[in-house]
Amino acid sequence: MAVLLSTASQMPAFFAYLEARPGALLYDPILNALPSVDLSGPIFVLIYAPVVYAIVRSLLTPTVLIHFLTGYVLLLLTRIFTLWITPLDPPLALVPLVDPLGLVLYGGIPVTRDLFFSGHTATAFLIYQCLPSKIEKRVSGAVVVLMVIGLLLQHIHYAVDIVAAIPFAYLCAKATAKLIPLAGGQNENP
């Protein structure tokens, strides 16, 4: 938890750095084929409702929270590294995401250059990995799919950012399962 809080406290300065530096504009035929739509409200619900659920769920199974937080720290550190080494300009038709909680984390500035890889997709997929029951996995899997569709339609990320988020989140969940085994062998299929 200390690593998470320490890292989170540095994020506004890091995002300000990302916003100030120039980056590459990628050609994205998938985004080019899609209209730009403001889906900030649904995306906000799709990202934060599962986080709240995972936290409430942890009251029944605290290891779910431990796995999510540990995986999230690994994911955050991985994302910081990939953002640092991959300067990208935002997609041309980007519709800025209105995220009141995100603005607090980003130091009050709208962030458009946090592009490789999608934190929204990665977080949603990490939650999918951490939840143990089949019904929870089905629902959280549907959330991931809806999140991907929303992010593509809002042109918040390039398609490659969204696709890359899945293996990064998967690897962070696997590493977490190796670091902190779940009781009852649940970590065999995170």
N, C-alpha and C. Protein backbone atom coordinates (compact mmCIF):
# COMPACT_ATOMS: atom_id res chain seq x y z
N MET A 1 0.83 -1.19 0.00
CA MET A 1 0.00 0.00 0.00
C MET A 1 0.87 1.25 0.00
N ALA A 2 2.00 1.19 0.71
CA ALA A 2 2.91 2.34 0.75
C ALA A 2 3.47 2.64 -0.63
N VAL A 3 3.80 1.59 -1.40
CA VAL A 3 4.32 1.79 -2.76
C VAL A 3 3.25 2.42 -3.63
N LEU A 4 2.00 1.97 -3.49
CA LEU A 4 0.90 2.52 -4.28
C LEU A 4 0.71 4.00 -3.96
N LEU A 5 0.66 4.34 -2.69
CA LEU A 5 0.46 5.74 -2.30
C LEU A 5 1.63 6.62 -2.70
N SER A 6 2.83 6.10 -2.53
CA SER A 6 4.03 6.86 -2.92
C SER A 6 4.04 7.12 -4.43
N THR A 7 3.74 6.08 -5.19
CA THR A 7 3.71 6.22 -6.65
C THR A 7 2.59 7.17 -7.07
N ALA A 8 1.42 7.01 -6.49
CA ALA A 8 0.28 7.87 -6.83
C ALA A 8 0.58 9.33 -6.54
N SER A 9 1.33 9.60 -5.49
CA SER A 9 1.64 10.99 -5.16
C SER A 9 2.54 11.65 -6.20
N GLN A 10 3.27 10.84 -6.97
CA GLN A 10 4.17 11.38 -8.00
C GLN A 10 3.50 11.48 -9.37
N MET A 11 2.31 10.92 -9.51
CA MET A 11 1.67 10.87 -10.82
C MET A 11 1.35 12.24 -11.42
N PRO A 12 0.87 13.23 -10.65
CA PRO A 12 0.61 14.53 -11.29
C PRO A 12 1.84 15.11 -11.99
N ALA A 13 2.99 15.03 -11.36
CA ALA A 13 4.22 15.54 -11.99
C ALA A 13 4.58 14.72 -13.22
N PHE A 14 4.39 13.41 -13.15
CA PHE A 14 4.70 12.56 -14.30
C PHE A 14 3.77 12.85 -15.47
N PHE A 15 2.48 13.01 -15.19
CA PHE A 15 1.54 13.31 -16.27
C PHE A 15 1.79 14.69 -16.86
N ALA A 16 2.19 15.65 -16.04
CA ALA A 16 2.56 16.98 -16.56
C ALA A 16 3.75 16.85 -17.51
N TYR A 17 4.72 16.01 -17.14
CA TYR A 17 5.87 15.76 -18.02
C TYR A 17 5.41 15.15 -19.34
N LEU A 18 4.52 14.16 -19.29
CA LEU A 18 4.02 13.52 -20.51
C LEU A 18 3.32 14.52 -21.41
N GLU A 19 2.51 15.39 -20.82
CA GLU A 19 1.76 16.35 -21.61
C GLU A 19 2.66 17.39 -22.27
N ALA A 20 3.82 17.67 -21.67
CA ALA A 20 4.71 18.72 -22.18
C ALA A 20 5.62 18.24 -23.31
N ARG A 21 5.85 16.95 -23.42
CA ARG A 21 6.82 16.48 -24.42
C ARG A 21 6.12 16.12 -25.74
N PRO A 22 6.83 16.31 -26.84
CA PRO A 22 6.26 15.93 -28.13
C PRO A 22 6.29 14.41 -28.30
N GLY A 23 5.43 13.92 -29.16
CA GLY A 23 5.39 12.49 -29.41
C GLY A 23 5.06 12.19 -30.86
N ALA A 24 5.00 10.93 -31.17
CA ALA A 24 4.68 10.48 -32.52
C ALA A 24 3.17 10.32 -32.68
N LEU A 25 2.69 10.66 -33.86
CA LEU A 25 1.29 10.44 -34.20
C LEU A 25 1.23 9.14 -34.99
N LEU A 26 0.43 8.20 -34.51
CA LEU A 26 0.34 6.89 -35.16
C LEU A 26 -0.80 6.84 -36.17
N TYR A 27 -0.59 6.11 -37.22
CA TYR A 27 -1.66 5.81 -38.17
C TYR A 27 -2.46 4.65 -37.58
N ASP A 28 -3.77 4.83 -37.45
CA ASP A 28 -4.62 3.80 -36.86
C ASP A 28 -5.85 3.59 -37.73
N PRO A 29 -5.82 2.58 -38.60
CA PRO A 29 -6.96 2.37 -39.49
C PRO A 29 -8.25 2.02 -38.75
N ILE A 30 -8.14 1.43 -37.57
CA ILE A 30 -9.35 1.10 -36.80
C ILE A 30 -10.02 2.38 -36.33
N LEU A 31 -9.25 3.27 -35.71
CA LEU A 31 -9.83 4.55 -35.26
C LEU A 31 -10.33 5.36 -36.44
N ASN A 32 -9.60 5.33 -37.54
CA ASN A 32 -10.01 6.10 -38.72
C ASN A 32 -11.36 5.64 -39.25
N ALA A 33 -11.71 4.40 -39.02
CA ALA A 33 -12.98 3.85 -39.51
C ALA A 33 -14.14 4.11 -38.54
N LEU A 34 -13.84 4.60 -37.35
CA LEU A 34 -14.87 4.79 -36.33
C LEU A 34 -15.18 6.27 -36.12
N PRO A 35 -16.45 6.58 -35.82
CA PRO A 35 -16.77 7.97 -35.47
C PRO A 35 -16.25 8.29 -34.07
N SER A 36 -16.05 9.57 -33.80
CA SER A 36 -15.67 10.02 -32.45
C SER A 36 -16.94 10.34 -31.67
N VAL A 37 -17.06 9.75 -30.49
CA VAL A 37 -18.25 9.92 -29.67
C VAL A 37 -17.81 10.17 -28.23
N ASP A 38 -18.49 11.10 -27.54
CA ASP A 38 -18.18 11.34 -26.13
C ASP A 38 -18.93 10.33 -25.27
N LEU A 39 -18.19 9.39 -24.72
CA LEU A 39 -18.75 8.36 -23.84
C LEU A 39 -18.14 8.45 -22.44
N SER A 40 -17.79 9.66 -22.03
CA SER A 40 -17.13 9.85 -20.73
C SER A 40 -17.93 9.26 -19.58
N GLY A 41 -19.23 9.50 -19.56
CA GLY A 41 -20.07 8.98 -18.47
C GLY A 41 -20.05 7.46 -18.37
N PRO A 42 -20.38 6.76 -19.47
CA PRO A 42 -20.32 5.29 -19.41
C PRO A 42 -18.92 4.76 -19.10
N ILE A 43 -17.89 5.37 -19.65
CA ILE A 43 -16.52 4.90 -19.38
C ILE A 43 -16.20 5.09 -17.90
N PHE A 44 -16.61 6.22 -17.32
CA PHE A 44 -16.40 6.48 -15.90
C PHE A 44 -17.03 5.36 -15.07
N VAL A 45 -18.27 5.00 -15.38
CA VAL A 45 -18.96 3.93 -14.66
C VAL A 45 -18.26 2.59 -14.88
N LEU A 46 -17.86 2.32 -16.12
CA LEU A 46 -17.21 1.04 -16.43
C LEU A 46 -15.87 0.87 -15.72
N ILE A 47 -15.18 1.95 -15.43
CA ILE A 47 -13.89 1.80 -14.75
C ILE A 47 -14.05 1.80 -13.23
N TYR A 48 -14.88 2.67 -12.70
CA TYR A 48 -14.93 2.80 -11.24
C TYR A 48 -15.89 1.83 -10.56
N ALA A 49 -16.98 1.44 -11.20
CA ALA A 49 -17.90 0.47 -10.58
C ALA A 49 -17.20 -0.86 -10.29
N PRO A 50 -16.42 -1.42 -11.23
CA PRO A 50 -15.71 -2.66 -10.90
C PRO A 50 -14.66 -2.49 -9.80
N VAL A 51 -14.02 -1.32 -9.75
CA VAL A 51 -13.04 -1.09 -8.68
C VAL A 51 -13.75 -1.08 -7.33
N VAL A 52 -14.87 -0.38 -7.25
CA VAL A 52 -15.65 -0.36 -6.00
C VAL A 52 -16.13 -1.77 -5.67
N TYR A 53 -16.61 -2.51 -6.68
CA TYR A 53 -17.05 -3.88 -6.44
C TYR A 53 -15.91 -4.74 -5.90
N ALA A 54 -14.73 -4.63 -6.51
CA ALA A 54 -13.58 -5.44 -6.06
C ALA A 54 -13.22 -5.12 -4.61
N ILE A 55 -13.32 -3.85 -4.24
CA ILE A 55 -13.01 -3.46 -2.86
C ILE A 55 -14.07 -4.02 -1.90
N VAL A 56 -15.35 -3.86 -2.26
CA VAL A 56 -16.42 -4.41 -1.42
C VAL A 56 -16.31 -5.93 -1.37
N ARG A 57 -16.01 -6.54 -2.49
CA ARG A 57 -15.85 -8.00 -2.57
C ARG A 57 -14.74 -8.49 -1.65
N SER A 58 -13.76 -7.65 -1.45
CA SER A 58 -12.63 -8.04 -0.60
C SER A 58 -13.04 -8.22 0.86
N LEU A 59 -14.21 -7.69 1.24
CA LEU A 59 -14.69 -7.92 2.60
C LEU A 59 -14.98 -9.40 2.81
N LEU A 60 -15.39 -10.09 1.73
CA LEU A 60 -15.64 -11.53 1.80
C LEU A 60 -14.35 -12.34 1.64
N THR A 61 -13.49 -11.86 0.77
CA THR A 61 -12.23 -12.55 0.48
C THR A 61 -11.11 -11.52 0.40
N PRO A 62 -10.46 -11.23 1.52
CA PRO A 62 -9.42 -10.19 1.52
C PRO A 62 -8.29 -10.44 0.53
N THR A 63 -8.04 -11.70 0.17
CA THR A 63 -6.96 -11.95 -0.79
C THR A 63 -7.28 -11.36 -2.16
N VAL A 64 -8.56 -11.17 -2.48
CA VAL A 64 -8.93 -10.52 -3.74
C VAL A 64 -8.37 -9.10 -3.76
N LEU A 65 -8.54 -8.38 -2.65
CA LEU A 65 -8.02 -7.02 -2.57
C LEU A 65 -6.49 -7.01 -2.59
N ILE A 66 -5.88 -7.93 -1.88
CA ILE A 66 -4.42 -8.00 -1.86
C ILE A 66 -3.89 -8.26 -3.27
N HIS A 67 -4.53 -9.18 -3.96
CA HIS A 67 -4.10 -9.48 -5.33
C HIS A 67 -4.34 -8.29 -6.26
N PHE A 68 -5.49 -7.65 -6.13
CA PHE A 68 -5.78 -6.50 -6.98
C PHE A 68 -4.79 -5.38 -6.72
N LEU A 69 -4.57 -5.03 -5.46
CA LEU A 69 -3.66 -3.92 -5.15
C LEU A 69 -2.22 -4.23 -5.56
N THR A 70 -1.77 -5.44 -5.31
CA THR A 70 -0.41 -5.82 -5.71
C THR A 70 -0.29 -5.81 -7.24
N GLY A 71 -1.27 -6.39 -7.91
CA GLY A 71 -1.27 -6.37 -9.37
C GLY A 71 -1.34 -4.96 -9.92
N TYR A 72 -2.12 -4.10 -9.26
CA TYR A 72 -2.25 -2.72 -9.71
C TYR A 72 -0.94 -1.96 -9.56
N VAL A 73 -0.22 -2.20 -8.46
CA VAL A 73 1.09 -1.56 -8.29
C VAL A 73 2.03 -2.00 -9.40
N LEU A 74 2.07 -3.30 -9.69
CA LEU A 74 2.92 -3.79 -10.78
C LEU A 74 2.49 -3.19 -12.12
N LEU A 75 1.19 -3.11 -12.33
CA LEU A 75 0.65 -2.54 -13.56
C LEU A 75 1.02 -1.06 -13.67
N LEU A 76 0.87 -0.33 -12.58
CA LEU A 76 1.19 1.09 -12.57
C LEU A 76 2.67 1.33 -12.86
N LEU A 77 3.53 0.56 -12.23
CA LEU A 77 4.97 0.71 -12.47
C LEU A 77 5.33 0.34 -13.91
N THR A 78 4.71 -0.71 -14.43
CA THR A 78 4.94 -1.10 -15.82
C THR A 78 4.46 -0.01 -16.77
N ARG A 79 3.29 0.54 -16.47
CA ARG A 79 2.73 1.58 -17.32
C ARG A 79 3.59 2.85 -17.29
N ILE A 80 4.09 3.21 -16.12
CA ILE A 80 4.97 4.38 -16.03
C ILE A 80 6.18 4.18 -16.94
N PHE A 81 6.76 2.98 -16.90
CA PHE A 81 7.93 2.70 -17.74
C PHE A 81 7.58 2.79 -19.22
N THR A 82 6.47 2.15 -19.63
CA THR A 82 6.12 2.17 -21.05
C THR A 82 5.73 3.57 -21.53
N LEU A 83 5.08 4.34 -20.67
CA LEU A 83 4.75 5.73 -21.04
C LEU A 83 6.01 6.56 -21.19
N TRP A 84 6.97 6.33 -20.33
CA TRP A 84 8.22 7.08 -20.35
C TRP A 84 9.01 6.80 -21.63
N ILE A 85 9.04 5.54 -22.08
CA ILE A 85 9.85 5.20 -23.25
C ILE A 85 9.09 5.30 -24.57
N THR A 86 7.78 5.59 -24.53
CA THR A 86 6.97 5.61 -25.74
C THR A 86 6.21 6.94 -25.86
N PRO A 87 6.88 8.02 -26.24
CA PRO A 87 6.16 9.30 -26.38
C PRO A 87 5.24 9.29 -27.61
N LEU A 88 3.97 9.48 -27.37
CA LEU A 88 2.99 9.50 -28.45
C LEU A 88 2.11 10.74 -28.35
N ASP A 89 1.74 11.27 -29.50
CA ASP A 89 0.72 12.31 -29.56
C ASP A 89 -0.64 11.62 -29.56
N PRO A 90 -1.66 12.30 -29.07
CA PRO A 90 -2.99 11.69 -29.04
C PRO A 90 -3.57 11.51 -30.45
N PRO A 91 -4.50 10.57 -30.60
CA PRO A 91 -5.18 10.42 -31.89
C PRO A 91 -5.84 11.73 -32.30
N LEU A 92 -5.89 11.97 -33.60
CA LEU A 92 -6.40 13.25 -34.11
C LEU A 92 -7.85 13.51 -33.71
N ALA A 93 -8.69 12.51 -33.71
CA ALA A 93 -10.11 12.71 -33.43
C ALA A 93 -10.46 12.46 -31.97
N LEU A 94 -9.48 12.52 -31.07
CA LEU A 94 -9.70 12.27 -29.65
C LEU A 94 -10.77 13.20 -29.09
N VAL A 95 -11.69 12.61 -28.34
CA VAL A 95 -12.66 13.37 -27.56
C VAL A 95 -12.16 13.29 -26.12
N PRO A 96 -11.77 14.42 -25.51
CA PRO A 96 -11.21 14.35 -24.15
C PRO A 96 -12.15 13.65 -23.17
N LEU A 97 -11.57 12.80 -22.35
CA LEU A 97 -12.32 12.05 -21.35
C LEU A 97 -12.55 12.94 -20.14
N VAL A 98 -13.79 13.09 -19.75
CA VAL A 98 -14.13 13.83 -18.54
C VAL A 98 -14.19 12.82 -17.40
N ASP A 99 -13.21 12.88 -16.52
CA ASP A 99 -13.08 11.94 -15.41
C ASP A 99 -12.73 12.73 -14.16
N PRO A 100 -13.75 13.07 -13.34
CA PRO A 100 -13.49 13.90 -12.16
C PRO A 100 -12.45 13.30 -11.21
N LEU A 101 -12.47 11.99 -11.01
CA LEU A 101 -11.47 11.38 -10.13
C LEU A 101 -10.10 11.39 -10.78
N GLY A 102 -10.07 11.16 -12.08
CA GLY A 102 -8.81 11.19 -12.81
C GLY A 102 -8.15 12.55 -12.74
N LEU A 103 -8.94 13.61 -12.81
CA LEU A 103 -8.37 14.96 -12.73
C LEU A 103 -7.66 15.18 -11.40
N VAL A 104 -8.19 14.59 -10.33
CA VAL A 104 -7.52 14.69 -9.02
C VAL A 104 -6.17 13.98 -9.09
N LEU A 105 -6.15 12.79 -9.66
CA LEU A 105 -4.90 12.02 -9.77
C LEU A 105 -3.91 12.69 -10.71
N TYR A 106 -4.42 13.38 -11.73
CA TYR A 106 -3.54 13.99 -12.72
C TYR A 106 -3.17 15.42 -12.37
N GLY A 107 -3.51 15.89 -11.19
CA GLY A 107 -3.14 17.23 -10.78
C GLY A 107 -4.01 18.31 -11.41
N GLY A 108 -5.23 17.96 -11.79
CA GLY A 108 -6.17 18.94 -12.32
C GLY A 108 -6.00 19.25 -13.80
N ILE A 109 -5.09 18.57 -14.47
CA ILE A 109 -4.90 18.82 -15.90
C ILE A 109 -5.49 17.65 -16.71
N PRO A 110 -6.16 17.96 -17.82
CA PRO A 110 -6.63 16.86 -18.67
C PRO A 110 -5.42 16.18 -19.32
N VAL A 111 -5.40 14.87 -19.28
CA VAL A 111 -4.27 14.10 -19.79
C VAL A 111 -4.69 13.42 -21.09
N THR A 112 -3.90 13.64 -22.14
CA THR A 112 -4.20 13.03 -23.44
C THR A 112 -3.02 12.24 -24.00
N ARG A 113 -1.87 12.27 -23.33
CA ARG A 113 -0.68 11.61 -23.85
C ARG A 113 -0.26 10.39 -23.02
N ASP A 114 -1.14 9.88 -22.21
CA ASP A 114 -0.85 8.65 -21.44
C ASP A 114 -1.30 7.46 -22.27
N LEU A 115 -0.58 7.22 -23.36
CA LEU A 115 -1.11 6.37 -24.41
C LEU A 115 -0.57 4.95 -24.50
N PHE A 116 0.58 4.65 -24.02
CA PHE A 116 0.99 3.26 -24.21
C PHE A 116 1.29 2.63 -22.88
N PHE A 117 0.38 1.95 -22.36
CA PHE A 117 -0.79 1.26 -22.83
C PHE A 117 -2.01 1.76 -22.07
N SER A 118 -3.20 1.36 -22.46
CA SER A 118 -4.43 1.86 -21.86
C SER A 118 -4.58 1.42 -20.41
N GLY A 119 -4.56 2.39 -19.51
CA GLY A 119 -4.76 2.10 -18.09
C GLY A 119 -6.18 1.66 -17.79
N HIS A 120 -7.15 2.21 -18.52
CA HIS A 120 -8.54 1.81 -18.32
C HIS A 120 -8.72 0.32 -18.65
N THR A 121 -8.24 -0.07 -19.82
CA THR A 121 -8.38 -1.46 -20.24
C THR A 121 -7.60 -2.39 -19.32
N ALA A 122 -6.38 -2.00 -18.99
CA ALA A 122 -5.53 -2.84 -18.14
C ALA A 122 -6.15 -3.03 -16.75
N THR A 123 -6.68 -1.96 -16.17
CA THR A 123 -7.30 -2.07 -14.85
C THR A 123 -8.53 -2.97 -14.89
N ALA A 124 -9.36 -2.78 -15.90
CA ALA A 124 -10.56 -3.63 -16.03
C ALA A 124 -10.17 -5.09 -16.22
N PHE A 125 -9.13 -5.35 -17.01
CA PHE A 125 -8.71 -6.74 -17.23
C PHE A 125 -8.03 -7.31 -15.99
N LEU A 126 -7.33 -6.49 -15.24
CA LEU A 126 -6.73 -6.95 -13.98
C LEU A 126 -7.82 -7.36 -13.00
N ILE A 127 -8.88 -6.59 -12.92
CA ILE A 127 -10.01 -6.95 -12.05
C ILE A 127 -10.59 -8.29 -12.50
N TYR A 128 -10.76 -8.46 -13.80
CA TYR A 128 -11.23 -9.74 -14.34
C TYR A 128 -10.33 -10.87 -13.86
N GLN A 129 -9.03 -10.66 -13.90
CA GLN A 129 -8.08 -11.69 -13.48
C GLN A 129 -8.18 -12.01 -11.98
N CYS A 130 -8.50 -11.01 -11.18
CA CYS A 130 -8.49 -11.17 -9.72
C CYS A 130 -9.77 -11.77 -9.16
N LEU A 131 -10.88 -11.58 -9.83
CA LEU A 131 -12.15 -12.09 -9.30
C LEU A 131 -12.24 -13.60 -9.53
N PRO A 132 -12.60 -14.36 -8.48
CA PRO A 132 -12.51 -15.82 -8.57
C PRO A 132 -13.70 -16.55 -9.19
N SER A 133 -14.92 -16.04 -9.05
CA SER A 133 -16.07 -16.84 -9.48
C SER A 133 -16.35 -16.67 -10.98
N LYS A 134 -17.00 -17.68 -11.55
CA LYS A 134 -17.30 -17.65 -12.99
C LYS A 134 -18.24 -16.51 -13.34
N ILE A 135 -19.24 -16.26 -12.51
CA ILE A 135 -20.18 -15.17 -12.81
C ILE A 135 -19.47 -13.82 -12.74
N GLU A 136 -18.59 -13.66 -11.75
CA GLU A 136 -17.82 -12.41 -11.66
C GLU A 136 -16.92 -12.24 -12.89
N LYS A 137 -16.33 -13.32 -13.33
CA LYS A 137 -15.48 -13.26 -14.53
C LYS A 137 -16.31 -12.92 -15.77
N ARG A 138 -17.50 -13.48 -15.88
CA ARG A 138 -18.35 -13.16 -17.04
C ARG A 138 -18.72 -11.68 -17.05
N VAL A 139 -19.15 -11.19 -15.90
CA VAL A 139 -19.54 -9.78 -15.82
C VAL A 139 -18.34 -8.87 -16.05
N SER A 140 -17.22 -9.16 -15.40
CA SER A 140 -16.05 -8.30 -15.57
C SER A 140 -15.46 -8.44 -16.98
N GLY A 141 -15.60 -9.61 -17.60
CA GLY A 141 -15.19 -9.77 -18.99
C GLY A 141 -16.03 -8.90 -19.92
N ALA A 142 -17.34 -8.85 -19.65
CA ALA A 142 -18.22 -7.97 -20.43
C ALA A 142 -17.84 -6.51 -20.23
N VAL A 143 -17.46 -6.15 -19.01
CA VAL A 143 -17.00 -4.78 -18.74
C VAL A 143 -15.77 -4.46 -19.58
N VAL A 144 -14.84 -5.39 -19.67
CA VAL A 144 -13.63 -5.17 -20.48
C VAL A 144 -14.02 -4.92 -21.93
N VAL A 145 -14.91 -5.73 -22.47
CA VAL A 145 -15.33 -5.57 -23.87
C VAL A 145 -16.00 -4.21 -24.08
N LEU A 146 -16.91 -3.85 -23.18
CA LEU A 146 -17.59 -2.55 -23.29
C LEU A 146 -16.60 -1.40 -23.14
N MET A 147 -15.63 -1.55 -22.25
CA MET A 147 -14.59 -0.53 -22.06
C MET A 147 -13.81 -0.33 -23.36
N VAL A 148 -13.40 -1.42 -23.97
CA VAL A 148 -12.63 -1.35 -25.22
C VAL A 148 -13.44 -0.62 -26.29
N ILE A 149 -14.70 -0.98 -26.43
CA ILE A 149 -15.56 -0.33 -27.43
C ILE A 149 -15.67 1.16 -27.14
N GLY A 150 -15.91 1.51 -25.87
CA GLY A 150 -16.03 2.92 -25.49
C GLY A 150 -14.76 3.71 -25.75
N LEU A 151 -13.62 3.14 -25.39
CA LEU A 151 -12.35 3.83 -25.60
C LEU A 151 -12.07 4.03 -27.08
N LEU A 152 -12.38 3.02 -27.89
CA LEU A 152 -12.18 3.16 -29.34
C LEU A 152 -13.10 4.23 -29.92
N LEU A 153 -14.36 4.22 -29.52
CA LEU A 153 -15.30 5.21 -30.05
C LEU A 153 -14.97 6.63 -29.60
N GLN A 154 -14.40 6.77 -28.43
CA GLN A 154 -14.03 8.10 -27.96
C GLN A 154 -12.64 8.50 -28.47
N HIS A 155 -11.94 7.57 -29.10
CA HIS A 155 -10.60 7.83 -29.66
C HIS A 155 -9.64 8.29 -28.57
N ILE A 156 -9.78 7.73 -27.37
CA ILE A 156 -8.91 8.09 -26.26
C ILE A 156 -7.55 7.44 -26.41
N HIS A 157 -7.53 6.24 -26.95
CA HIS A 157 -6.30 5.49 -27.16
C HIS A 157 -6.26 4.97 -28.59
N TYR A 158 -5.05 4.75 -29.07
CA TYR A 158 -4.89 4.01 -30.31
C TYR A 158 -5.30 2.56 -30.05
N ALA A 159 -5.70 1.86 -31.10
CA ALA A 159 -6.09 0.45 -30.96
C ALA A 159 -4.95 -0.38 -30.37
N VAL A 160 -3.71 -0.08 -30.77
CA VAL A 160 -2.57 -0.84 -30.26
C VAL A 160 -2.40 -0.65 -28.75
N ASP A 161 -2.72 0.54 -28.24
CA ASP A 161 -2.65 0.79 -26.79
C ASP A 161 -3.62 -0.11 -26.04
N ILE A 162 -4.80 -0.25 -26.62
CA ILE A 162 -5.85 -1.03 -25.98
C ILE A 162 -5.50 -2.52 -26.03
N VAL A 163 -5.04 -2.98 -27.18
CA VAL A 163 -4.66 -4.39 -27.33
C VAL A 163 -3.49 -4.72 -26.40
N ALA A 164 -2.51 -3.84 -26.33
CA ALA A 164 -1.32 -4.08 -25.49
C ALA A 164 -1.67 -4.17 -24.01
N ALA A 165 -2.72 -3.50 -23.59
CA ALA A 165 -3.09 -3.50 -22.17
C ALA A 165 -3.41 -4.90 -21.66
N ILE A 166 -3.98 -5.74 -22.50
CA ILE A 166 -4.41 -7.08 -22.07
C ILE A 166 -3.21 -7.93 -21.65
N PRO A 167 -2.18 -8.11 -22.49
CA PRO A 167 -1.05 -8.94 -22.02
C PRO A 167 -0.30 -8.32 -20.85
N PHE A 168 -0.20 -6.99 -20.80
CA PHE A 168 0.46 -6.38 -19.65
C PHE A 168 -0.30 -6.68 -18.36
N ALA A 169 -1.62 -6.54 -18.38
CA ALA A 169 -2.43 -6.84 -17.19
C ALA A 169 -2.36 -8.32 -16.84
N TYR A 170 -2.38 -9.17 -17.85
CA TYR A 170 -2.28 -10.61 -17.63
C TYR A 170 -0.97 -10.97 -16.94
N LEU A 171 0.13 -10.42 -17.44
CA LEU A 171 1.44 -10.71 -16.85
C LEU A 171 1.55 -10.17 -15.42
N CYS A 172 0.97 -9.01 -15.16
CA CYS A 172 0.99 -8.47 -13.79
C CYS A 172 0.17 -9.35 -12.85
N ALA A 173 -0.97 -9.85 -13.33
CA ALA A 173 -1.79 -10.76 -12.51
C ALA A 173 -1.05 -12.07 -12.25
N LYS A 174 -0.38 -12.60 -13.27
CA LYS A 174 0.40 -13.84 -13.10
C LYS A 174 1.54 -13.63 -12.11
N ALA A 175 2.25 -12.51 -12.24
CA ALA A 175 3.35 -12.22 -11.31
C ALA A 175 2.83 -12.09 -9.89
N THR A 176 1.68 -11.44 -9.73
CA THR A 176 1.08 -11.31 -8.41
C THR A 176 0.72 -12.67 -7.83
N ALA A 177 0.16 -13.54 -8.65
CA ALA A 177 -0.21 -14.89 -8.19
C ALA A 177 1.02 -15.67 -7.75
N LYS A 178 2.14 -15.45 -8.40
CA LYS A 178 3.39 -16.12 -8.00
C LYS A 178 3.93 -15.53 -6.70
N LEU A 179 3.80 -14.21 -6.55
CA LEU A 179 4.30 -13.54 -5.34
C LEU A 179 3.45 -13.85 -4.11
N ILE A 180 2.13 -13.89 -4.31
CA ILE A 180 1.19 -14.04 -3.19
C ILE A 180 0.19 -15.13 -3.55
N PRO A 181 0.47 -16.37 -3.19
CA PRO A 181 -0.47 -17.46 -3.52
C PRO A 181 -1.81 -17.27 -2.81
N LEU A 182 -2.88 -17.57 -3.53
CA LEU A 182 -4.22 -17.53 -2.94
C LEU A 182 -4.49 -18.83 -2.21
N ALA A 183 -5.29 -18.74 -1.16
CA ALA A 183 -5.70 -19.95 -0.43
C ALA A 183 -6.59 -20.79 -1.33
N GLY A 184 -6.48 -22.09 -1.22
CA GLY A 184 -7.35 -22.98 -1.98
C GLY A 184 -6.98 -23.14 -3.43
N GLY A 185 -5.79 -22.69 -3.84
CA GLY A 185 -5.33 -22.90 -5.21
C GLY A 185 -6.01 -22.02 -6.24
N GLN A 186 -6.68 -20.95 -5.83
CA GLN A 186 -7.39 -20.10 -6.78
C GLN A 186 -6.44 -19.40 -7.75
N ASN A 187 -5.17 -19.32 -7.41
CA ASN A 187 -4.25 -18.59 -8.28
C ASN A 187 -3.80 -19.41 -9.48
N GLU A 188 -4.31 -20.61 -9.65
CA GLU A 188 -3.94 -21.42 -10.80
C GLU A 188 -4.51 -20.85 -12.09
N ASN A 189 -5.59 -20.09 -12.00
CA ASN A 189 -6.19 -19.50 -13.19
C ASN A 189 -6.61 -18.06 -12.90
N PRO A 190 -5.63 -17.17 -12.66
CA PRO A 190 -6.00 -15.80 -12.33
C PRO A 190 -6.57 -15.07 -13.51
